[in-house]
Amino acid sequence: MLAEDATLTSTPEAYLKLHLLSHRLVKPHGLNLAGIFPLLPNVAWTSQGAVDLVELAERQLEARLKGELLEVFSVDKFPKMTDYVVPSGVRIADSARVRLGAYIGE
């Protein structure tokens, strides 16, 4: 898949390519990201990780019953980059505005 940089066909492939960009292993516009949006589901990005929207209400209720808080930081196709990748040599003042797939140079 990566050797040929084929068109995306799965969600894991899409996330892999976003990670490669954020880790600066490929340059911007160096990967074929055509068709990425339909492959990425909307997900609740929470204090307990990614949660499928279908499961969110139940997971929130379970957390409340345990006296815990399941905080939802965003509902989006793309997670905050800094939850997965923190590039060296840069400062990020507002990490909520930087999504996985961002290429931030030194």
PDB file of N, CA and C in Angstrom:
ATOM      1  N   MET A   1       0.826  -1.191   0.000  1.00  0.00           N
ATOM      2  CA  MET A   1       0.000   0.000   0.000  1.00  0.00           C
ATOM      3  C   MET A   1       0.872   1.256   0.000  1.00  0.00           C
ATOM      4  N   LEU A   2       1.839   1.340   0.924  1.00  0.00           N
ATOM      5  CA  LEU A   2       2.654   2.547   0.999  1.00  0.00           C
ATOM      6  C   LEU A   2       3.667   2.630  -0.133  1.00  0.00           C
ATOM      7  N   ALA A   3       4.196   1.485  -0.561  1.00  0.00           N
ATOM      8  CA  ALA A   3       5.183   1.495  -1.643  1.00  0.00           C
ATOM      9  C   ALA A   3       4.575   2.079  -2.915  1.00  0.00           C
ATOM     10  N   GLU A   4       3.309   1.782  -3.142  1.00  0.00           N
ATOM     11  CA  GLU A   4       2.627   2.279  -4.340  1.00  0.00           C
ATOM     12  C   GLU A   4       1.859   3.568  -4.064  1.00  0.00           C
ATOM     13  N   ASP A   5       1.671   3.913  -2.785  1.00  0.00           N
ATOM     14  CA  ASP A   5       0.858   5.059  -2.383  1.00  0.00           C
ATOM     15  C   ASP A   5      -0.504   5.016  -3.066  1.00  0.00           C
ATOM     16  N   ALA A   6      -1.139   3.864  -2.931  1.00  0.00           N
ATOM     17  CA  ALA A   6      -2.436   3.640  -3.556  1.00  0.00           C
ATOM     18  C   ALA A   6      -3.515   4.494  -2.889  1.00  0.00           C
ATOM     19  N   THR A   7      -4.623   4.637  -3.581  1.00  0.00           N
ATOM     20  CA  THR A   7      -5.779   5.329  -3.024  1.00  0.00           C
ATOM     21  C   THR A   7      -6.226   4.601  -1.766  1.00  0.00           C
ATOM     22  N   LEU A   8      -6.619   5.346  -0.782  1.00  0.00           N
ATOM     23  CA  LEU A   8      -7.050   4.772   0.488  1.00  0.00           C
ATOM     24  C   LEU A   8      -8.272   3.880   0.306  1.00  0.00           C
ATOM     25  N   THR A   9      -8.266   2.761   1.036  1.00  0.00           N
ATOM     26  CA  THR A   9      -9.406   1.849   0.971  1.00  0.00           C
ATOM     27  C   THR A   9      -9.941   1.479   2.345  1.00  0.00           C
ATOM     28  N   SER A  10      -9.267   1.917   3.426  1.00  0.00           N
ATOM     29  CA  SER A  10      -9.723   1.543   4.763  1.00  0.00           C
ATOM     30  C   SER A  10      -9.387   2.631   5.780  1.00  0.00           C
ATOM     31  N   THR A  11     -10.077   2.577   6.893  1.00  0.00           N
ATOM     32  CA  THR A  11      -9.835   3.530   7.978  1.00  0.00           C
ATOM     33  C   THR A  11      -8.427   3.385   8.554  1.00  0.00           C
ATOM     34  N   PRO A  12      -7.933   2.162   8.818  1.00  0.00           N
ATOM     35  CA  PRO A  12      -6.559   2.047   9.327  1.00  0.00           C
ATOM     36  C   PRO A  12      -5.517   2.648   8.380  1.00  0.00           C
ATOM     37  N   GLU A  13      -5.694   2.469   7.083  1.00  0.00           N
ATOM     38  CA  GLU A  13      -4.770   3.075   6.112  1.00  0.00           C
ATOM     39  C   GLU A  13      -4.800   4.602   6.229  1.00  0.00           C
ATOM     40  N   ALA A  14      -5.978   5.160   6.394  1.00  0.00           N
ATOM     41  CA  ALA A  14      -6.111   6.617   6.504  1.00  0.00           C
ATOM     42  C   ALA A  14      -5.377   7.129   7.737  1.00  0.00           C
ATOM     43  N   TYR A  15      -5.588   6.478   8.873  1.00  0.00           N
ATOM     44  CA  TYR A  15      -4.900   6.911  10.098  1.00  0.00           C
ATOM     45  C   TYR A  15      -3.392   6.719   9.985  1.00  0.00           C
ATOM     46  N   LEU A  16      -2.945   5.654   9.332  1.00  0.00           N
ATOM     47  CA  LEU A  16      -1.505   5.436   9.139  1.00  0.00           C
ATOM     48  C   LEU A  16      -0.891   6.591   8.355  1.00  0.00           C
ATOM     49  N   LYS A  17      -1.531   6.988   7.275  1.00  0.00           N
ATOM     50  CA  LYS A  17      -0.991   8.084   6.464  1.00  0.00           C
ATOM     51  C   LYS A  17      -0.990   9.403   7.238  1.00  0.00           C
ATOM     52  N   LEU A  18      -2.003   9.632   8.062  1.00  0.00           N
ATOM     53  CA  LEU A  18      -2.022  10.843   8.881  1.00  0.00           C
ATOM     54  C   LEU A  18      -0.872  10.831   9.889  1.00  0.00           C
ATOM     55  N   HIS A  19      -0.605   9.666  10.475  1.00  0.00           N
ATOM     56  CA  HIS A  19       0.529   9.539  11.399  1.00  0.00           C
ATOM     57  C   HIS A  19       1.846   9.805  10.687  1.00  0.00           C
ATOM     58  N   LEU A  20       2.014   9.281   9.489  1.00  0.00           N
ATOM     59  CA  LEU A  20       3.255   9.502   8.742  1.00  0.00           C
ATOM     60  C   LEU A  20       3.495  10.988   8.507  1.00  0.00           C
ATOM     61  N   LEU A  21       2.446  11.715   8.187  1.00  0.00           N
ATOM     62  CA  LEU A  21       2.577  13.166   8.003  1.00  0.00           C
ATOM     63  C   LEU A  21       2.961  13.862   9.305  1.00  0.00           C
ATOM     64  N   SER A  22       2.259  13.554  10.375  1.00  0.00           N
ATOM     65  CA  SER A  22       2.519  14.236  11.640  1.00  0.00           C
ATOM     66  C   SER A  22       3.881  13.882  12.231  1.00  0.00           C
ATOM     67  N   HIS A  23       4.380  12.693  11.925  1.00  0.00           N
ATOM     68  CA  HIS A  23       5.728  12.294  12.368  1.00  0.00           C
ATOM     69  C   HIS A  23       6.811  12.841  11.435  1.00  0.00           C
ATOM     70  N   ARG A  24       6.391  13.579  10.403  1.00  0.00           N
ATOM     71  CA  ARG A  24       7.294  14.177   9.410  1.00  0.00           C
ATOM     72  C   ARG A  24       8.080  13.126   8.629  1.00  0.00           C
ATOM     73  N   LEU A  25       7.488  11.967   8.432  1.00  0.00           N
ATOM     74  CA  LEU A  25       8.147  10.917   7.656  1.00  0.00           C
ATOM     75  C   LEU A  25       7.890  11.078   6.163  1.00  0.00           C
ATOM     76  N   VAL A  26       6.889  11.869   5.830  1.00  0.00           N
ATOM     77  CA  VAL A  26       6.614  12.251   4.440  1.00  0.00           C
ATOM     78  C   VAL A  26       6.293  13.740   4.429  1.00  0.00           C
ATOM     79  N   LYS A  27       6.549  14.369   3.312  1.00  0.00           N
ATOM     80  CA  LYS A  27       6.281  15.806   3.160  1.00  0.00           C
ATOM     81  C   LYS A  27       4.804  16.033   2.825  1.00  0.00           C
ATOM     82  N   PRO A  28       4.293  17.233   3.138  1.00  0.00           N
ATOM     83  CA  PRO A  28       2.928  17.554   2.721  1.00  0.00           C
ATOM     84  C   PRO A  28       2.774  17.364   1.208  1.00  0.00           C
ATOM     85  N   HIS A  29       1.654  16.893   0.806  1.00  0.00           N
ATOM     86  CA  HIS A  29       1.330  16.589  -0.596  1.00  0.00           C
ATOM     87  C   HIS A  29       2.156  15.419  -1.117  1.00  0.00           C
ATOM     88  N   GLY A  30       2.842  14.702  -0.218  1.00  0.00           N
ATOM     89  CA  GLY A  30       3.656  13.559  -0.617  1.00  0.00           C
ATOM     90  C   GLY A  30       2.919  12.239  -0.537  1.00  0.00           C
ATOM     91  N   LEU A  31       1.688  12.271  -0.080  1.00  0.00           N
ATOM     92  CA  LEU A  31       0.872  11.065   0.023  1.00  0.00           C
ATOM     93  C   LEU A  31      -0.466  11.279  -0.668  1.00  0.00           C
ATOM     94  N   ASN A  32      -0.994  10.206  -1.202  1.00  0.00           N
ATOM     95  CA  ASN A  32      -2.316  10.229  -1.813  1.00  0.00           C
ATOM     96  C   ASN A  32      -3.355  10.085  -0.696  1.00  0.00           C
ATOM     97  N   LEU A  33      -4.055  11.155  -0.399  1.00  0.00           N
ATOM     98  CA  LEU A  33      -5.100  11.136   0.624  1.00  0.00           C
ATOM     99  C   LEU A  33      -6.499  11.226   0.014  1.00  0.00           C
ATOM    100  N   ALA A  34      -6.587  10.988  -1.280  1.00  0.00           N
ATOM    101  CA  ALA A  34      -7.885  11.051  -1.963  1.00  0.00           C
ATOM    102  C   ALA A  34      -8.867  10.084  -1.312  1.00  0.00           C
ATOM    103  N   GLY A  35     -10.053  10.568  -1.059  1.00  0.00           N
ATOM    104  CA  GLY A  35     -11.111   9.737  -0.493  1.00  0.00           C
ATOM    105  C   GLY A  35     -11.010   9.510   1.004  1.00  0.00           C
ATOM    106  N   ILE A  36     -10.238  10.330   1.704  1.00  0.00           N
ATOM    107  CA  ILE A  36     -10.047  10.102   3.141  1.00  0.00           C
ATOM    108  C   ILE A  36     -11.309  10.387   3.960  1.00  0.00           C
ATOM    109  N   PHE A  37     -12.074  11.401   3.603  1.00  0.00           N
ATOM    110  CA  PHE A  37     -13.205  11.805   4.442  1.00  0.00           C
ATOM    111  C   PHE A  37     -14.267  10.719   4.612  1.00  0.00           C
ATOM    112  N   PRO A  38     -14.685  10.029   3.574  1.00  0.00           N
ATOM    113  CA  PRO A  38     -15.687   8.975   3.793  1.00  0.00           C
ATOM    114  C   PRO A  38     -15.157   7.796   4.618  1.00  0.00           C
ATOM    115  N   LEU A  39     -13.840   7.621   4.655  1.00  0.00           N
ATOM    116  CA  LEU A  39     -13.260   6.498   5.396  1.00  0.00           C
ATOM    117  C   LEU A  39     -13.131   6.765   6.890  1.00  0.00           C
ATOM    118  N   LEU A  40     -13.111   8.031   7.274  1.00  0.00           N
ATOM    119  CA  LEU A  40     -12.945   8.371   8.686  1.00  0.00           C
ATOM    120  C   LEU A  40     -14.310   8.625   9.319  1.00  0.00           C
ATOM    121  N   PRO A  41     -14.657   7.849  10.336  1.00  0.00           N
ATOM    122  CA  PRO A  41     -15.945   8.074  11.004  1.00  0.00           C
ATOM    123  C   PRO A  41     -15.856   9.258  11.959  1.00  0.00           C
ATOM    124  N   ASN A  42     -16.984   9.877  12.238  1.00  0.00           N
ATOM    125  CA  ASN A  42     -17.022  10.849  13.327  1.00  0.00           C
ATOM    126  C   ASN A  42     -16.890  10.061  14.620  1.00  0.00           C
ATOM    127  N   VAL A  43     -15.996  10.515  15.482  1.00  0.00           N
ATOM    128  CA  VAL A  43     -15.676   9.819  16.720  1.00  0.00           C
ATOM    129  C   VAL A  43     -15.698  10.830  17.857  1.00  0.00           C
ATOM    130  N   ALA A  44     -16.112  10.396  19.035  1.00  0.00           N
ATOM    131  CA  ALA A  44     -15.993  11.234  20.229  1.00  0.00           C
ATOM    132  C   ALA A  44     -14.592  11.020  20.786  1.00  0.00           C
ATOM    133  N   TRP A  45     -13.804  12.073  20.803  1.00  0.00           N
ATOM    134  CA  TRP A  45     -12.440  12.012  21.352  1.00  0.00           C
ATOM    135  C   TRP A  45     -12.557  12.431  22.806  1.00  0.00           C
ATOM    136  N   THR A  46     -12.335  11.472  23.712  1.00  0.00           N
ATOM    137  CA  THR A  46     -12.664  11.657  25.124  1.00  0.00           C
ATOM    138  C   THR A  46     -11.455  11.461  26.037  1.00  0.00           C
ATOM    139  N   SER A  47     -11.695  11.686  27.309  1.00  0.00           N
ATOM    140  CA  SER A  47     -10.662  11.457  28.324  1.00  0.00           C
ATOM    141  C   SER A  47     -10.331   9.980  28.466  1.00  0.00           C
ATOM    142  N   GLN A  48     -11.138   9.112  27.867  1.00  0.00           N
ATOM    143  CA  GLN A  48     -10.873   7.673  27.879  1.00  0.00           C
ATOM    144  C   GLN A  48     -10.553   7.159  26.478  1.00  0.00           C
ATOM    145  N   GLY A  49     -10.154   8.055  25.606  1.00  0.00           N
ATOM    146  CA  GLY A  49      -9.790   7.661  24.249  1.00  0.00           C
ATOM    147  C   GLY A  49     -10.931   7.857  23.270  1.00  0.00           C
ATOM    148  N   ALA A  50     -10.771   7.264  22.105  1.00  0.00           N
ATOM    149  CA  ALA A  50     -11.780   7.376  21.051  1.00  0.00           C
ATOM    150  C   ALA A  50     -12.986   6.506  21.394  1.00  0.00           C
ATOM    151  N   VAL A  51     -14.175   7.081  21.246  1.00  0.00           N
ATOM    152  CA  VAL A  51     -15.408   6.351  21.534  1.00  0.00           C
ATOM    153  C   VAL A  51     -16.341   6.498  20.341  1.00  0.00           C
ATOM    154  N   ASP A  52     -16.857   5.366  19.869  1.00  0.00           N
ATOM    155  CA  ASP A  52     -17.844   5.355  18.794  1.00  0.00           C
ATOM    156  C   ASP A  52     -19.071   6.129  19.270  1.00  0.00           C
ATOM    157  N   LEU A  53     -19.614   6.980  18.420  1.00  0.00           N
ATOM    158  CA  LEU A  53     -20.757   7.811  18.811  1.00  0.00           C
ATOM    159  C   LEU A  53     -21.965   6.975  19.228  1.00  0.00           C
ATOM    160  N   VAL A  54     -22.114   5.793  18.651  1.00  0.00           N
ATOM    161  CA  VAL A  54     -23.226   4.915  19.014  1.00  0.00           C
ATOM    162  C   VAL A  54     -23.099   4.468  20.471  1.00  0.00           C
ATOM    163  N   GLU A  55     -21.872   4.342  20.964  1.00  0.00           N
ATOM    164  CA  GLU A  55     -21.617   3.866  22.324  1.00  0.00           C
ATOM    165  C   GLU A  55     -21.454   4.994  23.340  1.00  0.00           C
ATOM    166  N   LEU A  56     -21.428   6.225  22.904  1.00  0.00           N
ATOM    167  CA  LEU A  56     -21.070   7.335  23.783  1.00  0.00           C
ATOM    168  C   LEU A  56     -22.010   7.499  24.973  1.00  0.00           C
ATOM    169  N   ALA A  57     -23.309   7.541  24.759  1.00  0.00           N
ATOM    170  CA  ALA A  57     -24.254   7.758  25.862  1.00  0.00           C
ATOM    171  C   ALA A  57     -24.114   6.662  26.917  1.00  0.00           C
ATOM    172  N   GLU A  58     -23.984   5.426  26.477  1.00  0.00           N
ATOM    173  CA  GLU A  58     -23.827   4.311  27.415  1.00  0.00           C
ATOM    174  C   GLU A  58     -22.517   4.427  28.189  1.00  0.00           C
ATOM    175  N   ARG A  59     -21.446   4.786  27.505  1.00  0.00           N
ATOM    176  CA  ARG A  59     -20.143   4.935  28.168  1.00  0.00           C
ATOM    177  C   ARG A  59     -20.168   6.081  29.174  1.00  0.00           C
ATOM    178  N   GLN A  60     -20.864   7.168  28.846  1.00  0.00           N
ATOM    179  CA  GLN A  60     -20.983   8.285  29.790  1.00  0.00           C
ATOM    180  C   GLN A  60     -21.769   7.863  31.032  1.00  0.00           C
ATOM    181  N   LEU A  61     -22.848   7.123  30.829  1.00  0.00           N
ATOM    182  CA  LEU A  61     -23.653   6.645  31.952  1.00  0.00           C
ATOM    183  C   LEU A  61     -22.840   5.702  32.828  1.00  0.00           C
ATOM    184  N   GLU A  62     -22.110   4.781  32.219  1.00  0.00           N
ATOM    185  CA  GLU A  62     -21.265   3.856  32.981  1.00  0.00           C
ATOM    186  C   GLU A  62     -20.246   4.621  33.819  1.00  0.00           C
ATOM    187  N   ALA A  63     -19.660   5.641  33.242  1.00  0.00           N
ATOM    188  CA  ALA A  63     -18.677   6.444  33.973  1.00  0.00           C
ATOM    189  C   ALA A  63     -19.337   7.144  35.160  1.00  0.00           C
ATOM    190  N   ARG A  64     -20.505   7.725  34.947  1.00  0.00           N
ATOM    191  CA  ARG A  64     -21.205   8.424  36.041  1.00  0.00           C
ATOM    192  C   ARG A  64     -21.551   7.468  37.179  1.00  0.00           C
ATOM    193  N   LEU A  65     -21.983   6.247  36.825  1.00  0.00           N
ATOM    194  CA  LEU A  65     -22.325   5.259  37.848  1.00  0.00           C
ATOM    195  C   LEU A  65     -21.111   4.871  38.686  1.00  0.00           C
ATOM    196  N   LYS A  66     -19.928   4.999  38.116  1.00  0.00           N
ATOM    197  CA  LYS A  66     -18.682   4.704  38.839  1.00  0.00           C
ATOM    198  C   LYS A  66     -18.125   5.945  39.531  1.00  0.00           C
ATOM    199  N   GLY A  67     -18.841   7.059  39.424  1.00  0.00           N
ATOM    200  CA  GLY A  67     -18.365   8.305  40.013  1.00  0.00           C
ATOM    201  C   GLY A  67     -17.240   8.944  39.215  1.00  0.00           C
ATOM    202  N   GLU A  68     -17.146   8.577  37.949  1.00  0.00           N
ATOM    203  CA  GLU A  68     -16.101   9.103  37.072  1.00  0.00           C
ATOM    204  C   GLU A  68     -16.705  10.072  36.067  1.00  0.00           C
ATOM    205  N   LEU A  69     -15.838  10.792  35.400  1.00  0.00           N
ATOM    206  CA  LEU A  69     -16.267  11.712  34.346  1.00  0.00           C
ATOM    207  C   LEU A  69     -15.664  11.256  33.026  1.00  0.00           C
ATOM    208  N   LEU A  70     -16.502  11.054  32.057  1.00  0.00           N
ATOM    209  CA  LEU A  70     -16.039  10.793  30.693  1.00  0.00           C
ATOM    210  C   LEU A  70     -16.170  12.118  29.956  1.00  0.00           C
ATOM    211  N   GLU A  71     -15.073  12.821  29.854  1.00  0.00           N
ATOM    212  CA  GLU A  71     -15.095  14.142  29.230  1.00  0.00           C
ATOM    213  C   GLU A  71     -14.937  14.009  27.723  1.00  0.00           C
ATOM    214  N   VAL A  72     -15.819  14.653  26.982  1.00  0.00           N
ATOM    215  CA  VAL A  72     -15.742  14.666  25.524  1.00  0.00           C
ATOM    216  C   VAL A  72     -15.041  15.956  25.116  1.00  0.00           C
ATOM    217  N   PHE A  73     -13.873  15.804  24.498  1.00  0.00           N
ATOM    218  CA  PHE A  73     -13.097  16.970  24.078  1.00  0.00           C
ATOM    219  C   PHE A  73     -13.535  17.472  22.710  1.00  0.00           C
ATOM    220  N   SER A  74     -13.911  16.535  21.834  1.00  0.00           N
ATOM    221  CA  SER A  74     -14.389  16.930  20.509  1.00  0.00           C
ATOM    222  C   SER A  74     -15.093  15.754  19.858  1.00  0.00           C
ATOM    223  N   VAL A  75     -15.900  16.061  18.866  1.00  0.00           N
ATOM    224  CA  VAL A  75     -16.510  15.046  18.006  1.00  0.00           C
ATOM    225  C   VAL A  75     -16.092  15.429  16.601  1.00  0.00           C
ATOM    226  N   ASP A  76     -15.272  14.589  16.009  1.00  0.00           N
ATOM    227  CA  ASP A  76     -14.671  14.943  14.721  1.00  0.00           C
ATOM    228  C   ASP A  76     -14.116  13.686  14.068  1.00  0.00           C
ATOM    229  N   LYS A  77     -13.753  13.813  12.813  1.00  0.00           N
ATOM    230  CA  LYS A  77     -13.098  12.727  12.096  1.00  0.00           C
ATOM    231  C   LYS A  77     -11.620  12.645  12.452  1.00  0.00           C
ATOM    232  N   PHE A  78     -11.032  13.773  12.805  1.00  0.00           N
ATOM    233  CA  PHE A  78      -9.599  13.851  13.072  1.00  0.00           C
ATOM    234  C   PHE A  78      -9.356  14.157  14.548  1.00  0.00           C
ATOM    235  N   PRO A  79      -8.505  13.383  15.220  1.00  0.00           N
ATOM    236  CA  PRO A  79      -8.187  13.686  16.619  1.00  0.00           C
ATOM    237  C   PRO A  79      -7.164  14.806  16.723  1.00  0.00           C
ATOM    238  N   LYS A  80      -7.013  15.328  17.930  1.00  0.00           N
ATOM    239  CA  LYS A  80      -5.939  16.285  18.171  1.00  0.00           C
ATOM    240  C   LYS A  80      -4.613  15.572  17.921  1.00  0.00           C
ATOM    241  N   MET A  81      -3.744  16.221  17.197  1.00  0.00           N
ATOM    242  CA  MET A  81      -2.455  15.617  16.887  1.00  0.00           C
ATOM    243  C   MET A  81      -1.677  15.282  18.152  1.00  0.00           C
ATOM    244  N   THR A  82      -1.689  16.188  19.133  1.00  0.00           N
ATOM    245  CA  THR A  82      -0.848  16.005  20.316  1.00  0.00           C
ATOM    246  C   THR A  82      -1.302  14.859  21.216  1.00  0.00           C
ATOM    247  N   ASP A  83      -2.470  14.291  20.969  1.00  0.00           N
ATOM    248  CA  ASP A  83      -2.871  13.082  21.691  1.00  0.00           C
ATOM    249  C   ASP A  83      -2.096  11.868  21.183  1.00  0.00           C
ATOM    250  N   TYR A  84      -1.495  11.990  20.002  1.00  0.00           N
ATOM    251  CA  TYR A  84      -0.810  10.859  19.374  1.00  0.00           C
ATOM    252  C   TYR A  84       0.621  11.170  18.967  1.00  0.00           C
ATOM    253  N   VAL A  85       0.877  12.396  18.554  1.00  0.00           N
ATOM    254  CA  VAL A  85       2.200  12.786  18.058  1.00  0.00           C
ATOM    255  C   VAL A  85       2.535  14.170  18.606  1.00  0.00           C
ATOM    256  N   VAL A  86       3.728  14.293  19.190  1.00  0.00           N
ATOM    257  CA  VAL A  86       4.222  15.604  19.621  1.00  0.00           C
ATOM    258  C   VAL A  86       5.571  15.807  18.945  1.00  0.00           C
ATOM    259  N   PRO A  87       5.605  16.573  17.852  1.00  0.00           N
ATOM    260  CA  PRO A  87       6.855  16.761  17.115  1.00  0.00           C
ATOM    261  C   PRO A  87       7.891  17.511  17.950  1.00  0.00           C
ATOM    262  N   SER A  88       9.140  17.179  17.726  1.00  0.00           N
ATOM    263  CA  SER A  88      10.216  17.870  18.433  1.00  0.00           C
ATOM    264  C   SER A  88      10.435  19.251  17.826  1.00  0.00           C
ATOM    265  N   GLY A  89      10.928  20.154  18.649  1.00  0.00           N
ATOM    266  CA  GLY A  89      11.352  21.459  18.162  1.00  0.00           C
ATOM    267  C   GLY A  89      10.258  22.443  17.832  1.00  0.00           C
ATOM    268  N   VAL A  90       9.033  22.182  18.278  1.00  0.00           N
ATOM    269  CA  VAL A  90       7.945  23.127  17.996  1.00  0.00           C
ATOM    270  C   VAL A  90       7.198  23.454  19.284  1.00  0.00           C
ATOM    271  N   ARG A  91       6.522  24.573  19.267  1.00  0.00           N
ATOM    272  CA  ARG A  91       5.632  24.957  20.355  1.00  0.00           C
ATOM    273  C   ARG A  91       4.219  25.008  19.798  1.00  0.00           C
ATOM    274  N   ILE A  92       3.283  24.479  20.558  1.00  0.00           N
ATOM    275  CA  ILE A  92       1.880  24.485  20.143  1.00  0.00           C
ATOM    276  C   ILE A  92       1.081  25.123  21.273  1.00  0.00           C
ATOM    277  N   ALA A  93       0.622  26.333  21.061  1.00  0.00           N
ATOM    278  CA  ALA A  93      -0.080  27.073  22.110  1.00  0.00           C
ATOM    279  C   ALA A  93      -1.485  26.533  22.348  1.00  0.00           C
ATOM    280  N   ASP A  94      -2.170  26.118  21.302  1.00  0.00           N
ATOM    281  CA  ASP A  94      -3.544  25.630  21.427  1.00  0.00           C
ATOM    282  C   ASP A  94      -3.650  24.313  20.676  1.00  0.00           C
ATOM    283  N   SER A  95      -3.404  23.218  21.379  1.00  0.00           N
ATOM    284  CA  SER A  95      -3.359  21.908  20.719  1.00  0.00           C
ATOM    285  C   SER A  95      -4.715  21.475  20.168  1.00  0.00           C
ATOM    286  N   ALA A  96      -5.799  22.061  20.648  1.00  0.00           N
ATOM    287  CA  ALA A  96      -7.122  21.708  20.137  1.00  0.00           C
ATOM    288  C   ALA A  96      -7.298  22.122  18.679  1.00  0.00           C
ATOM    289  N   ARG A  97      -6.437  23.010  18.194  1.00  0.00           N
ATOM    290  CA  ARG A  97      -6.561  23.503  16.820  1.00  0.00           C
ATOM    291  C   ARG A  97      -5.667  22.756  15.837  1.00  0.00           C
ATOM    292  N   VAL A  98      -4.898  21.782  16.332  1.00  0.00           N
ATOM    293  CA  VAL A  98      -3.958  21.062  15.465  1.00  0.00           C
ATOM    294  C   VAL A  98      -4.381  19.598  15.407  1.00  0.00           C
ATOM    295  N   ARG A  99      -4.746  19.136  14.233  1.00  0.00           N
ATOM    296  CA  ARG A  99      -5.277  17.785  14.057  1.00  0.00           C
ATOM    297  C   ARG A  99      -4.215  16.824  13.539  1.00  0.00           C
ATOM    298  N   LEU A 100      -4.446  15.531  13.809  1.00  0.00           N
ATOM    299  CA  LEU A 100      -3.571  14.492  13.280  1.00  0.00           C
ATOM    300  C   LEU A 100      -3.515  14.636  11.764  1.00  0.00           C
ATOM    301  N   GLY A 101      -2.325  14.580  11.221  1.00  0.00           N
ATOM    302  CA  GLY A 101      -2.116  14.804   9.796  1.00  0.00           C
ATOM    303  C   GLY A 101      -1.442  16.133   9.530  1.00  0.00           C
ATOM    304  N   ALA A 102      -1.377  16.987  10.560  1.00  0.00           N
ATOM    305  CA  ALA A 102      -0.666  18.261  10.404  1.00  0.00           C
ATOM    306  C   ALA A 102       0.829  17.980  10.307  1.00  0.00           C
ATOM    307  N   TYR A 103       1.495  18.727   9.451  1.00  0.00           N
ATOM    308  CA  TYR A 103       2.946  18.625   9.295  1.00  0.00           C
ATOM    309  C   TYR A 103       3.513  19.917   9.852  1.00  0.00           C
ATOM    310  N   ILE A 104       4.123  19.819  11.012  1.00  0.00           N
ATOM    311  CA  ILE A 104       4.659  21.011  11.668  1.00  0.00           C
ATOM    312  C   ILE A 104       6.170  20.882  11.699  1.00  0.00           C
ATOM    313  N   GLY A 105       6.851  21.774  10.990  1.00  0.00           N
ATOM    314  CA  GLY A 105       8.309  21.705  10.897  1.00  0.00           C
ATOM    315  C   GLY A 105       8.996  22.425  12.029  1.00  0.00           C
ATOM    316  N   GLU A 106      10.278  22.085  12.191  1.00  0.00           N
ATOM    317  CA  GLU A 106      11.098  22.768  13.199  1.00  0.00           C
ATOM    318  C   GLU A 106      11.466  24.140  12.693  1.00  0.00           C
TER     319      GLU A 106
END
